[in-house]
C-alpha cells in the first residue's frame, strides 16, 4: 500500500546550493491548475507497461540536479557536447516520459510549466508508484540555458570512495545523512554489469573481488556478470527487493549484501554507518519521511526562478 507522507517544508527552511529562489508548493495553481495531474497520469501510463519507468525517472531527477542544479539541462539534445552524453550519465532513460508530459502540458498551458519542474514531479510520482512516500513538490523552477557534458565531470560515481562521495554531496549542500537516504533510492531499479566489473574482477589494490562482498552474494554477482561477459546485462541494485521502495537496501548494506560499491562504502565511514544503523534502532526515524525530505532538499539545488532561465517549448531543445 502506498505510504502517504505529506511533507511541506517551507522555502525558508533550507538554503541548498546557494540558490533557492521562489519555489513553492502549488506554483501553477492559477496558471496551470491541472499540471500535476497531467504529469501524474503520463507517468502512471508509462509505468503500467514497464517496471523500469520509476527508477529511470528517479535517477533522471538526481542527475539533473547534480549538474548545474535542477534546471532540466540533462534533457537537451544539442549534439556531441550535450550534457546527457557525459560519461557519468550513461544509461539514463525516461526522456520520452518527460517529453510526453511536456507536450500534453503545452496543449493546455503553453509556455507555463518548465521541463525542470516536470522532472521533479515525475520523480515524485514514480516513487509513489513503487510504494514509496508521497510528498508535496515545490515548483517554480525555470529551465537552464546551458548544456555541456564537461560540466558533468564531478557527478557522484559508483567507484568513488566514501570520502569523495561525502565531499560531492557537501558541495551541493547535502549532508552525510542525505547521502545515505538518497542512496536508498537504489531500493528500486537495476544496474548494468558495466558498473560491476572493477568491483568483481579488478578491485584495488591487488585485483580480484571486493573483500567486503558477502561470500554468499559473490557467486550471485559473478553468475549474472561473468568476467568478459555482456557488460549490458543487468541485475537488481537491491538484492531481494528490486521493485519496491523499502528499507531492504539498508539491510543489505549492513550485512555485506550491497550490490554497488558506492552503497557498500556507506558502511565504511562513521557518519554514514551511523545514519544507516539509525533506521534499525530503538525509536528509529521513518526512512520514508527522511527520503521525502531529502528529495525536497535536493530539488532546491541551484534552481533558477523568476526571470532566470526560460520555459522551454520542447524539453530536448533550447527555444
C-alpha atoms as a PDB file:
ATOM      1  CA  UNK A   1       0.000   0.000   0.000  1.00  0.00           C
ATOM      2  CA  UNK A   2       1.343   3.390  -0.942  1.00  0.00           C
ATOM      3  CA  UNK A   3       2.595   5.211   2.097  1.00  0.00           C
ATOM      4  CA  UNK A   4       1.461   8.807   2.192  1.00  0.00           C
ATOM      5  CA  UNK A   5       3.995  11.033   3.839  1.00  0.00           C
ATOM      6  CA  UNK A   6       2.635  14.536   3.434  1.00  0.00           C
ATOM      7  CA  UNK A   7       5.544  16.861   3.879  1.00  0.00           C
ATOM      8  CA  UNK A   8       5.551  20.585   3.322  1.00  0.00           C
ATOM      9  CA  UNK A   9       8.892  22.216   4.075  1.00  0.00           C
ATOM     10  CA  UNK A  10       8.645  25.967   3.734  1.00  0.00           C
ATOM     11  CA  UNK A  11      11.083  27.693   1.417  1.00  0.00           C
ATOM     12  CA  UNK A  12      12.696  29.416   4.382  1.00  0.00           C
ATOM     13  CA  UNK A  13      13.745  26.061   5.816  1.00  0.00           C
ATOM     14  CA  UNK A  14      16.964  25.400   3.924  1.00  0.00           C
ATOM     15  CA  UNK A  15      19.399  27.104   1.633  1.00  0.00           C
ATOM     16  CA  UNK A  16      20.702  24.427  -0.699  1.00  0.00           C
ATOM     17  CA  UNK A  17      23.230  25.077  -3.432  1.00  0.00           C
ATOM     18  CA  UNK A  18      23.096  28.801  -2.646  1.00  0.00           C
ATOM     19  CA  UNK A  19      20.043  29.466  -4.844  1.00  0.00           C
ATOM     20  CA  UNK A  20      16.622  28.537  -3.605  1.00  0.00           C
ATOM     21  CA  UNK A  21      14.612  31.304  -5.247  1.00  0.00           C
ATOM     22  CA  UNK A  22      10.838  31.345  -5.078  1.00  0.00           C
ATOM     23  CA  UNK A  23       9.922  27.688  -5.158  1.00  0.00           C
ATOM     24  CA  UNK A  24       6.629  26.866  -3.517  1.00  0.00           C
ATOM     25  CA  UNK A  25       4.025  24.157  -3.427  1.00  0.00           C
ATOM     26  CA  UNK A  26       1.180  24.926  -5.822  1.00  0.00           C
ATOM     27  CA  UNK A  27       3.135  27.341  -8.013  1.00  0.00           C
ATOM     28  CA  UNK A  28       0.911  26.521 -11.001  1.00  0.00           C
ATOM     29  CA  UNK A  29      -2.345  26.667  -9.059  1.00  0.00           C
ATOM     30  CA  UNK A  30      -3.648  29.617 -11.083  1.00  0.00           C
ATOM     31  CA  UNK A  31      -1.686  29.395 -14.331  1.00  0.00           C
ATOM     32  CA  UNK A  32      -1.982  25.647 -14.988  1.00  0.00           C
ATOM     33  CA  UNK A  33      -4.095  24.040 -12.258  1.00  0.00           C
ATOM     34  CA  UNK A  34      -4.053  20.560 -13.826  1.00  0.00           C
ATOM     35  CA  UNK A  35      -0.271  20.459 -14.270  1.00  0.00           C
ATOM     36  CA  UNK A  36       0.460  17.927 -11.542  1.00  0.00           C
ATOM     37  CA  UNK A  37      -2.446  15.697 -12.554  1.00  0.00           C
ATOM     38  CA  UNK A  38      -1.249  15.659 -16.161  1.00  0.00           C
ATOM     39  CA  UNK A  39       2.279  14.659 -15.160  1.00  0.00           C
ATOM     40  CA  UNK A  40       0.968  12.011 -12.767  1.00  0.00           C
ATOM     41  CA  UNK A  41      -1.243  10.473 -15.468  1.00  0.00           C
ATOM     42  CA  UNK A  42       1.584  10.374 -18.012  1.00  0.00           C
ATOM     43  CA  UNK A  43       3.924   8.717 -15.512  1.00  0.00           C
ATOM     44  CA  UNK A  44       1.258   6.223 -14.482  1.00  0.00           C
ATOM     45  CA  UNK A  45       0.533   5.258 -18.069  1.00  0.00           C
ATOM     46  CA  UNK A  46       4.229   4.760 -18.819  1.00  0.00           C
ATOM     47  CA  UNK A  47       4.769   2.736 -15.642  1.00  0.00           C
ATOM     48  CA  UNK A  48       1.841   0.452 -16.456  1.00  0.00           C
ATOM     49  CA  UNK A  49       3.856  -1.010 -19.336  1.00  0.00           C
ATOM     50  CA  UNK A  50       7.291  -1.144 -17.704  1.00  0.00           C
ATOM     51  CA  UNK A  51       8.629  -1.694 -14.198  1.00  0.00           C
ATOM     52  CA  UNK A  52      11.718   0.291 -15.150  1.00  0.00           C
ATOM     53  CA  UNK A  53       9.975   3.651 -15.504  1.00  0.00           C
ATOM     54  CA  UNK A  54      10.038   4.503 -11.783  1.00  0.00           C
ATOM     55  CA  UNK A  55      13.803   4.062 -11.242  1.00  0.00           C
ATOM     56  CA  UNK A  56      14.533   5.754 -14.578  1.00  0.00           C
ATOM     57  CA  UNK A  57      12.634   8.902 -13.611  1.00  0.00           C
ATOM     58  CA  UNK A  58      14.081   8.956 -10.111  1.00  0.00           C
ATOM     59  CA  UNK A  59      17.630   8.687 -11.459  1.00  0.00           C
ATOM     60  CA  UNK A  60      16.907  11.363 -14.093  1.00  0.00           C
ATOM     61  CA  UNK A  61      15.972  13.881 -11.395  1.00  0.00           C
ATOM     62  CA  UNK A  62      19.100  13.119  -9.373  1.00  0.00           C
ATOM     63  CA  UNK A  63      21.381  13.520 -12.390  1.00  0.00           C
ATOM     64  CA  UNK A  64      19.667  16.740 -13.434  1.00  0.00           C
ATOM     65  CA  UNK A  65      20.075  18.345 -10.013  1.00  0.00           C
ATOM     66  CA  UNK A  66      23.735  17.408  -9.597  1.00  0.00           C
ATOM     67  CA  UNK A  67      24.855  19.235 -12.754  1.00  0.00           C
ATOM     68  CA  UNK A  68      24.131  22.987 -12.836  1.00  0.00           C
ATOM     69  CA  UNK A  69      21.224  22.450 -10.472  1.00  0.00           C
ATOM     70  CA  UNK A  70      17.651  21.261 -11.057  1.00  0.00           C
ATOM     71  CA  UNK A  71      17.085  23.109 -14.326  1.00  0.00           C
ATOM     72  CA  UNK A  72      16.489  20.492 -16.992  1.00  0.00           C
ATOM     73  CA  UNK A  73      19.876  20.661 -18.712  1.00  0.00           C
ATOM     74  CA  UNK A  74      20.047  16.847 -18.743  1.00  0.00           C
ATOM     75  CA  UNK A  75      17.177  16.803 -21.264  1.00  0.00           C
ATOM     76  CA  UNK A  76      18.843  18.855 -24.007  1.00  0.00           C
ATOM     77  CA  UNK A  77      19.943  17.141 -27.212  1.00  0.00           C
ATOM     78  CA  UNK A  78      22.312  19.604 -28.862  1.00  0.00           C
ATOM     79  CA  UNK A  79      24.877  17.330 -30.452  1.00  0.00           C
ATOM     80  CA  UNK A  80      28.072  15.693 -29.201  1.00  0.00           C
ATOM     81  CA  UNK A  81      28.683  18.273 -26.465  1.00  0.00           C
ATOM     82  CA  UNK A  82      25.256  17.836 -24.844  1.00  0.00           C
ATOM     83  CA  UNK A  83      25.326  17.158 -21.117  1.00  0.00           C
ATOM     84  CA  UNK A  84      23.334  13.944 -21.489  1.00  0.00           C
ATOM     85  CA  UNK A  85      26.310  12.451 -23.360  1.00  0.00           C
ATOM     86  CA  UNK A  86      28.599  12.703 -20.329  1.00  0.00           C
ATOM     87  CA  UNK A  87      30.234   9.512 -19.055  1.00  0.00           C
ATOM     88  CA  UNK A  88      28.517   9.864 -15.688  1.00  0.00           C
ATOM     89  CA  UNK A  89      25.083   9.917 -17.339  1.00  0.00           C
ATOM     90  CA  UNK A  90      25.435   6.572 -19.099  1.00  0.00           C
ATOM     91  CA  UNK A  91      22.246   4.569 -19.244  1.00  0.00           C
ATOM     92  CA  UNK A  92      19.885   7.405 -18.312  1.00  0.00           C
ATOM     93  CA  UNK A  93      16.366   6.847 -19.600  1.00  0.00           C
ATOM     94  CA  UNK A  94      12.907   8.304 -19.115  1.00  0.00           C
ATOM     95  CA  UNK A  95      13.354  11.218 -21.514  1.00  0.00           C
ATOM     96  CA  UNK A  96      10.335  10.137 -23.566  1.00  0.00           C
ATOM     97  CA  UNK A  97       8.092  10.286 -20.497  1.00  0.00           C
ATOM     98  CA  UNK A  98       9.158  13.861 -19.780  1.00  0.00           C
ATOM     99  CA  UNK A  99       8.623  14.901 -23.407  1.00  0.00           C
ATOM    100  CA  UNK A 100       5.183  13.316 -23.448  1.00  0.00           C
ATOM    101  CA  UNK A 101       4.174  15.181 -20.301  1.00  0.00           C
ATOM    102  CA  UNK A 102       5.561  18.422 -21.722  1.00  0.00           C
ATOM    103  CA  UNK A 103       3.602  18.021 -24.966  1.00  0.00           C
ATOM    104  CA  UNK A 104       0.369  17.492 -23.058  1.00  0.00           C
ATOM    105  CA  UNK A 105       1.052  20.474 -20.824  1.00  0.00           C
ATOM    106  CA  UNK A 106       1.857  22.699 -23.801  1.00  0.00           C
ATOM    107  CA  UNK A 107      -1.503  21.770 -25.311  1.00  0.00           C
ATOM    108  CA  UNK A 108      -3.398  23.197 -22.336  1.00  0.00           C
ATOM    109  CA  UNK A 109      -0.936  25.667 -20.761  1.00  0.00           C
ATOM    110  CA  UNK A 110       1.546  26.785 -23.434  1.00  0.00           C
ATOM    111  CA  UNK A 111       4.775  28.303 -22.153  1.00  0.00           C
ATOM    112  CA  UNK A 112       3.904  27.882 -18.479  1.00  0.00           C
ATOM    113  CA  UNK A 113       5.318  24.679 -16.939  1.00  0.00           C
ATOM    114  CA  UNK A 114       9.081  24.199 -17.010  1.00  0.00           C
ATOM    115  CA  UNK A 115      10.777  20.970 -18.006  1.00  0.00           C
ATOM    116  CA  UNK A 116      12.749  21.130 -14.743  1.00  0.00           C
ATOM    117  CA  UNK A 117       9.509  21.021 -12.767  1.00  0.00           C
ATOM    118  CA  UNK A 118       8.198  18.145 -14.866  1.00  0.00           C
ATOM    119  CA  UNK A 119      11.311  16.128 -13.992  1.00  0.00           C
ATOM    120  CA  UNK A 120      10.820  16.840 -10.272  1.00  0.00           C
ATOM    121  CA  UNK A 121       7.119  15.985 -10.354  1.00  0.00           C
ATOM    122  CA  UNK A 122       7.663  12.837 -12.396  1.00  0.00           C
ATOM    123  CA  UNK A 123      10.274  11.600  -9.917  1.00  0.00           C
ATOM    124  CA  UNK A 124       7.818  12.024  -7.031  1.00  0.00           C
ATOM    125  CA  UNK A 125       5.057  10.247  -8.921  1.00  0.00           C
ATOM    126  CA  UNK A 126       7.436   7.415  -9.826  1.00  0.00           C
ATOM    127  CA  UNK A 127       8.388   6.935  -6.176  1.00  0.00           C
ATOM    128  CA  UNK A 128       4.730   6.685  -5.195  1.00  0.00           C
ATOM    129  CA  UNK A 129       4.138   4.030  -7.862  1.00  0.00           C
ATOM    130  CA  UNK A 130       6.970   1.987  -6.300  1.00  0.00           C
ATOM    131  CA  UNK A 131       5.155   2.123  -2.914  1.00  0.00           C
ATOM    132  CA  UNK A 132       7.357   4.957  -1.741  1.00  0.00           C
ATOM    133  CA  UNK A 133       6.291   8.118   0.088  1.00  0.00           C
ATOM    134  CA  UNK A 134       4.106  10.834  -1.343  1.00  0.00           C
ATOM    135  CA  UNK A 135       5.399  14.350  -0.719  1.00  0.00           C
ATOM    136  CA  UNK A 136       4.497  17.824  -1.881  1.00  0.00           C
ATOM    137  CA  UNK A 137       6.804  19.008  -4.676  1.00  0.00           C
ATOM    138  CA  UNK A 138       7.825  22.621  -4.646  1.00  0.00           C
ATOM    139  CA  UNK A 139       7.557  24.088  -8.139  1.00  0.00           C
ATOM    140  CA  UNK A 140       8.537  27.302  -9.880  1.00  0.00           C
ATOM    141  CA  UNK A 141      11.846  26.191 -11.395  1.00  0.00           C
ATOM    142  CA  UNK A 142      12.830  27.592 -14.760  1.00  0.00           C
ATOM    143  CA  UNK A 143      14.837  25.825 -17.441  1.00  0.00           C
ATOM    144  CA  UNK A 144      18.554  26.354 -17.906  1.00  0.00           C
ATOM    145  CA  UNK A 145      20.234  27.785 -20.979  1.00  0.00           C
ATOM    146  CA  UNK A 146      23.404  25.672 -20.950  1.00  0.00           C
ATOM    147  CA  UNK A 147      24.016  22.005 -21.718  1.00  0.00           C
ATOM    148  CA  UNK A 148      27.670  20.929 -21.739  1.00  0.00           C
ATOM    149  CA  UNK A 149      28.898  17.448 -20.891  1.00  0.00           C
ATOM    150  CA  UNK A 150      32.111  18.819 -19.403  1.00  0.00           C
ATOM    151  CA  UNK A 151      30.007  20.250 -16.566  1.00  0.00           C
ATOM    152  CA  UNK A 152      29.103  16.706 -15.514  1.00  0.00           C
ATOM    153  CA  UNK A 153      32.681  15.683 -14.725  1.00  0.00           C
ATOM    154  CA  UNK A 154      32.027  15.834 -10.986  1.00  0.00           C
ATOM    155  CA  UNK A 155      28.987  13.542 -10.868  1.00  0.00           C
ATOM    156  CA  UNK A 156      28.988  11.054  -7.985  1.00  0.00           C
ATOM    157  CA  UNK A 157      30.221   7.707  -9.269  1.00  0.00           C
ATOM    158  CA  UNK A 158      29.760   4.116  -8.088  1.00  0.00           C
ATOM    159  CA  UNK A 159      33.554   3.777  -7.819  1.00  0.00           C
ATOM    160  CA  UNK A 160      34.015   6.892  -5.666  1.00  0.00           C
ATOM    161  CA  UNK A 161      35.352   6.414  -2.159  1.00  0.00           C
ATOM    162  CA  UNK A 162      33.069   7.332   0.701  1.00  0.00           C
ATOM    163  CA  UNK A 163      35.087  10.481   1.370  1.00  0.00           C
ATOM    164  CA  UNK A 164      34.746  11.599  -2.252  1.00  0.00           C
ATOM    165  CA  UNK A 165      31.028  10.904  -2.183  1.00  0.00           C
ATOM    166  CA  UNK A 166      30.584  12.897   1.006  1.00  0.00           C
ATOM    167  CA  UNK A 167      32.531  15.795  -0.490  1.00  0.00           C
ATOM    168  CA  UNK A 168      30.465  15.819  -3.681  1.00  0.00           C
ATOM    169  CA  UNK A 169      27.249  15.856  -1.684  1.00  0.00           C
ATOM    170  CA  UNK A 170      28.539  18.563   0.653  1.00  0.00           C
ATOM    171  CA  UNK A 171      29.339  20.715  -2.370  1.00  0.00           C
ATOM    172  CA  UNK A 172      25.630  20.620  -3.175  1.00  0.00           C
ATOM    173  CA  UNK A 173      24.570  21.465   0.357  1.00  0.00           C
ATOM    174  CA  UNK A 174      23.723  17.870   1.264  1.00  0.00           C
ATOM    175  CA  UNK A 175      24.823  16.060   4.415  1.00  0.00           C
ATOM    176  CA  UNK A 176      26.192  12.590   5.096  1.00  0.00           C
ATOM    177  CA  UNK A 177      22.705  11.573   6.172  1.00  0.00           C
ATOM    178  CA  UNK A 178      21.297  12.912   2.900  1.00  0.00           C
ATOM    179  CA  UNK A 179      23.863  10.755   1.083  1.00  0.00           C
ATOM    180  CA  UNK A 180      22.589   7.661   2.880  1.00  0.00           C
ATOM    181  CA  UNK A 181      18.923   8.490   2.452  1.00  0.00           C
ATOM    182  CA  UNK A 182      19.193   9.384  -1.231  1.00  0.00           C
ATOM    183  CA  UNK A 183      21.282   6.265  -1.861  1.00  0.00           C
ATOM    184  CA  UNK A 184      18.270   4.345  -0.575  1.00  0.00           C
ATOM    185  CA  UNK A 185      16.743   5.184  -3.957  1.00  0.00           C
ATOM    186  CA  UNK A 186      18.730   2.152  -5.124  1.00  0.00           C
ATOM    187  CA  UNK A 187      15.990   0.104  -3.494  1.00  0.00           C
ATOM    188  CA  UNK A 188      14.347   0.144  -6.946  1.00  0.00           C
ATOM    189  CA  UNK A 189      15.893  -0.450 -10.337  1.00  0.00           C
ATOM    190  CA  UNK A 190      18.807  -2.294 -11.880  1.00  0.00           C
ATOM    191  CA  UNK A 191      22.465  -1.663 -12.677  1.00  0.00           C
ATOM    192  CA  UNK A 192      24.430  -2.762 -15.732  1.00  0.00           C
ATOM    193  CA  UNK A 193      27.314  -5.207 -15.291  1.00  0.00           C
ATOM    194  CA  UNK A 194      29.497  -2.436 -16.702  1.00  0.00           C
ATOM    195  CA  UNK A 195      29.326  -0.807 -13.258  1.00  0.00           C
ATOM    196  CA  UNK A 196      30.282  -4.057 -11.512  1.00  0.00           C
ATOM    197  CA  UNK A 197      33.386  -5.122 -13.463  1.00  0.00           C
ATOM    198  CA  UNK A 198      36.031  -3.489 -11.283  1.00  0.00           C
ATOM    199  CA  UNK A 199      34.341  -4.499  -8.044  1.00  0.00           C
ATOM    200  CA  UNK A 200      34.162  -8.132  -9.128  1.00  0.00           C
ATOM    201  CA  UNK A 201      37.393  -8.640 -11.049  1.00  0.00           C
ATOM    202  CA  UNK A 202      39.782  -5.733 -10.638  1.00  0.00           C
ATOM    203  CA  UNK A 203      39.303  -4.338  -7.161  1.00  0.00           C
ATOM    204  CA  UNK A 204      42.261  -2.254  -5.947  1.00  0.00           C
ATOM    205  CA  UNK A 205      44.935  -2.585  -4.874  1.00  0.00           C
ATOM    206  CA  UNK A 206      45.564  -6.218  -5.822  1.00  0.00           C
ATOM    207  CA  UNK A 207      42.778  -7.095  -8.236  1.00  0.00           C
ATOM    208  CA  UNK A 208      40.235  -9.830  -7.669  1.00  0.00           C
ATOM    209  CA  UNK A 209      36.898  -9.131  -5.972  1.00  0.00           C
ATOM    210  CA  UNK A 210      35.988  -6.597  -3.306  1.00  0.00           C
ATOM    211  CA  UNK A 211      36.576  -8.396   0.024  1.00  0.00           C
ATOM    212  CA  UNK A 212      33.575  -6.616   1.573  1.00  0.00           C
ATOM    213  CA  UNK A 213      31.176  -8.627  -0.618  1.00  0.00           C
ATOM    214  CA  UNK A 214      29.496 -11.365   1.398  1.00  0.00           C
ATOM    215  CA  UNK A 215      30.701 -14.820   0.236  1.00  0.00           C
ATOM    216  CA  UNK A 216      27.086 -15.818  -0.375  1.00  0.00           C
ATOM    217  CA  UNK A 217      26.483 -12.814  -2.624  1.00  0.00           C
ATOM    218  CA  UNK A 218      29.668 -13.052  -4.685  1.00  0.00           C
ATOM    219  CA  UNK A 219      28.689 -16.084  -6.809  1.00  0.00           C
ATOM    220  CA  UNK A 220      25.287 -14.499  -7.484  1.00  0.00           C
ATOM    221  CA  UNK A 221      27.004 -11.394  -8.840  1.00  0.00           C
ATOM    222  CA  UNK A 222      29.613 -13.230 -10.899  1.00  0.00           C
ATOM    223  CA  UNK A 223      26.934 -15.512 -12.352  1.00  0.00           C
ATOM    224  CA  UNK A 224      24.985 -12.533 -13.680  1.00  0.00           C
ATOM    225  CA  UNK A 225      28.110 -10.569 -14.579  1.00  0.00           C
ATOM    226  CA  UNK A 226      30.780 -13.102 -15.610  1.00  0.00           C
ATOM    227  CA  UNK A 227      34.274 -11.919 -16.473  1.00  0.00           C
ATOM    228  CA  UNK A 228      34.389 -10.784 -20.107  1.00  0.00           C
ATOM    229  CA  UNK A 229      30.621 -11.236 -20.277  1.00  0.00           C
ATOM    230  CA  UNK A 230      27.891  -8.913 -21.505  1.00  0.00           C
ATOM    231  CA  UNK A 231      28.513  -5.565 -19.806  1.00  0.00           C
ATOM    232  CA  UNK A 232      24.954  -4.522 -20.640  1.00  0.00           C
ATOM    233  CA  UNK A 233      23.372  -7.369 -18.678  1.00  0.00           C
ATOM    234  CA  UNK A 234      21.514  -6.023 -15.657  1.00  0.00           C
ATOM    235  CA  UNK A 235      20.932  -7.031 -12.063  1.00  0.00           C
ATOM    236  CA  UNK A 236      18.791  -5.533  -9.268  1.00  0.00           C
ATOM    237  CA  UNK A 237      20.588  -2.953  -7.144  1.00  0.00           C
ATOM    238  CA  UNK A 238      18.617  -4.117  -4.099  1.00  0.00           C
ATOM    239  CA  UNK A 239      19.006  -7.863  -3.578  1.00  0.00           C
ATOM    240  CA  UNK A 240      15.660  -9.383  -2.671  1.00  0.00           C
ATOM    241  CA  UNK A 241      13.523  -6.285  -3.225  1.00  0.00           C
ATOM    242  CA  UNK A 242      14.359  -4.614  -6.511  1.00  0.00           C
ATOM    243  CA  UNK A 243      10.951  -3.209  -7.450  1.00  0.00           C
ATOM    244  CA  UNK A 244       9.516  -1.897  -4.168  1.00  0.00           C
ATOM    245  CA  UNK A 245      10.564   1.090  -2.099  1.00  0.00           C
ATOM    246  CA  UNK A 246      11.545  -0.243   1.342  1.00  0.00           C
ATOM    247  CA  UNK A 247      14.458  -0.453   3.775  1.00  0.00           C
ATOM    248  CA  UNK A 248      15.871  -3.689   2.327  1.00  0.00           C
ATOM    249  CA  UNK A 249      18.650  -1.729   0.616  1.00  0.00           C
ATOM    250  CA  UNK A 250      19.880  -0.525   4.032  1.00  0.00           C
ATOM    251  CA  UNK A 251      19.625  -4.028   5.476  1.00  0.00           C
ATOM    252  CA  UNK A 252      21.755  -5.277   2.588  1.00  0.00           C
ATOM    253  CA  UNK A 253      24.340  -2.560   3.196  1.00  0.00           C
ATOM    254  CA  UNK A 254      24.605  -3.568   6.880  1.00  0.00           C
ATOM    255  CA  UNK A 255      25.051  -7.260   6.094  1.00  0.00           C
ATOM    256  CA  UNK A 256      27.546  -7.095   3.230  1.00  0.00           C
ATOM    257  CA  UNK A 257      24.946  -7.693   0.531  1.00  0.00           C
ATOM    258  CA  UNK A 258      25.193  -4.278  -1.164  1.00  0.00           C
ATOM    259  CA  UNK A 259      25.411  -4.702  -4.931  1.00  0.00           C
ATOM    260  CA  UNK A 260      27.017  -1.367  -5.806  1.00  0.00           C
ATOM    261  CA  UNK A 261      30.415  -0.416  -4.426  1.00  0.00           C
ATOM    262  CA  UNK A 262      29.171   3.079  -3.555  1.00  0.00           C
ATOM    263  CA  UNK A 263      26.381   1.567  -1.437  1.00  0.00           C
ATOM    264  CA  UNK A 264      28.798  -0.769   0.354  1.00  0.00           C
ATOM    265  CA  UNK A 265      31.058   2.169   1.175  1.00  0.00           C
ATOM    266  CA  UNK A 266      28.291   3.757   3.234  1.00  0.00           C
ATOM    267  CA  UNK A 267      29.130   1.262   5.974  1.00  0.00           C
ATOM    268  CA  UNK A 268      32.825   2.137   5.995  1.00  0.00           C
ATOM    269  CA  UNK A 269      32.503   5.669   7.375  1.00  0.00           C
ATOM    270  CA  UNK A 270      31.430   6.536  10.906  1.00  0.00           C
ATOM    271  CA  UNK A 271      28.900   9.215   9.928  1.00  0.00           C
ATOM    272  CA  UNK A 272      27.209   7.282   7.142  1.00  0.00           C
ATOM    273  CA  UNK A 273      27.310   3.982   9.062  1.00  0.00           C
ATOM    274  CA  UNK A 274      25.615   5.679  11.997  1.00  0.00           C
ATOM    275  CA  UNK A 275      22.939   7.030   9.644  1.00  0.00           C
ATOM    276  CA  UNK A 276      22.317   3.562   8.187  1.00  0.00           C
ATOM    277  CA  UNK A 277      22.114   1.958  11.638  1.00  0.00           C
ATOM    278  CA  UNK A 278      19.760   4.625  12.950  1.00  0.00           C
ATOM    279  CA  UNK A 279      16.900   3.156  10.919  1.00  0.00           C
ATOM    280  CA  UNK A 280      17.095  -0.115  12.853  1.00  0.00           C
ATOM    281  CA  UNK A 281      17.465   1.149  16.400  1.00  0.00           C
ATOM    282  CA  UNK A 282      15.033   1.941  19.173  1.00  0.00           C
ATOM    283  CA  UNK A 283      12.637   4.717  18.128  1.00  0.00           C
ATOM    284  CA  UNK A 284      14.084   4.584  14.606  1.00  0.00           C
ATOM    285  CA  UNK A 285      13.218   7.511  12.333  1.00  0.00           C
ATOM    286  CA  UNK A 286      10.989   6.994   9.314  1.00  0.00           C
ATOM    287  CA  UNK A 287      13.032   6.253   6.194  1.00  0.00           C
ATOM    288  CA  UNK A 288      10.051   7.280   4.069  1.00  0.00           C
ATOM    289  CA  UNK A 289       9.756  10.654   5.764  1.00  0.00           C
ATOM    290  CA  UNK A 290      13.508  11.292   5.649  1.00  0.00           C
ATOM    291  CA  UNK A 291      13.671  10.261   1.994  1.00  0.00           C
ATOM    292  CA  UNK A 292      10.854  12.646   1.106  1.00  0.00           C
ATOM    293  CA  UNK A 293      12.586  15.497   2.973  1.00  0.00           C
ATOM    294  CA  UNK A 294      15.900  14.734   1.238  1.00  0.00           C
ATOM    295  CA  UNK A 295      14.202  14.741  -2.180  1.00  0.00           C
ATOM    296  CA  UNK A 296      12.667  18.138  -1.459  1.00  0.00           C
ATOM    297  CA  UNK A 297      16.052  19.412  -0.316  1.00  0.00           C
ATOM    298  CA  UNK A 298      17.801  18.040  -3.400  1.00  0.00           C
ATOM    299  CA  UNK A 299      15.115  19.607  -5.588  1.00  0.00           C
ATOM    300  CA  UNK A 300      16.241  23.054  -4.403  1.00  0.00           C
ATOM    301  CA  UNK A 301      19.841  22.742  -5.610  1.00  0.00           C
ATOM    302  CA  UNK A 302      20.888  25.796  -7.638  1.00  0.00           C
ATOM    303  CA  UNK A 303      17.411  26.329  -9.055  1.00  0.00           C
ATOM    304  CA  UNK A 304      16.589  29.103 -11.480  1.00  0.00           C
ATOM    305  CA  UNK A 305      13.465  31.108 -10.674  1.00  0.00           C
ATOM    306  CA  UNK A 306      11.806  34.401 -11.503  1.00  0.00           C
ATOM    307  CA  UNK A 307      13.466  35.981 -14.536  1.00  0.00           C
ATOM    308  CA  UNK A 308      16.328  33.480 -14.599  1.00  0.00           C
ATOM    309  CA  UNK A 309      16.440  30.883 -17.340  1.00  0.00           C
ATOM    310  CA  UNK A 310      13.438  30.226 -19.546  1.00  0.00           C
ATOM    311  CA  UNK A 311      10.422  27.982 -20.094  1.00  0.00           C
ATOM    312  CA  UNK A 312      11.223  25.645 -22.975  1.00  0.00           C
ATOM    313  CA  UNK A 313       8.587  24.765 -25.523  1.00  0.00           C
ATOM    314  CA  UNK A 314      10.223  21.370 -26.062  1.00  0.00           C
ATOM    315  CA  UNK A 315      12.333  19.846 -23.315  1.00  0.00           C
ATOM    316  CA  UNK A 316      15.053  18.477 -25.599  1.00  0.00           C
ATOM    317  CA  UNK A 317      15.835  21.799 -27.287  1.00  0.00           C
ATOM    318  CA  UNK A 318      16.512  25.399 -26.397  1.00  0.00           C
ATOM    319  CA  UNK A 319      13.887  27.891 -27.583  1.00  0.00           C
END
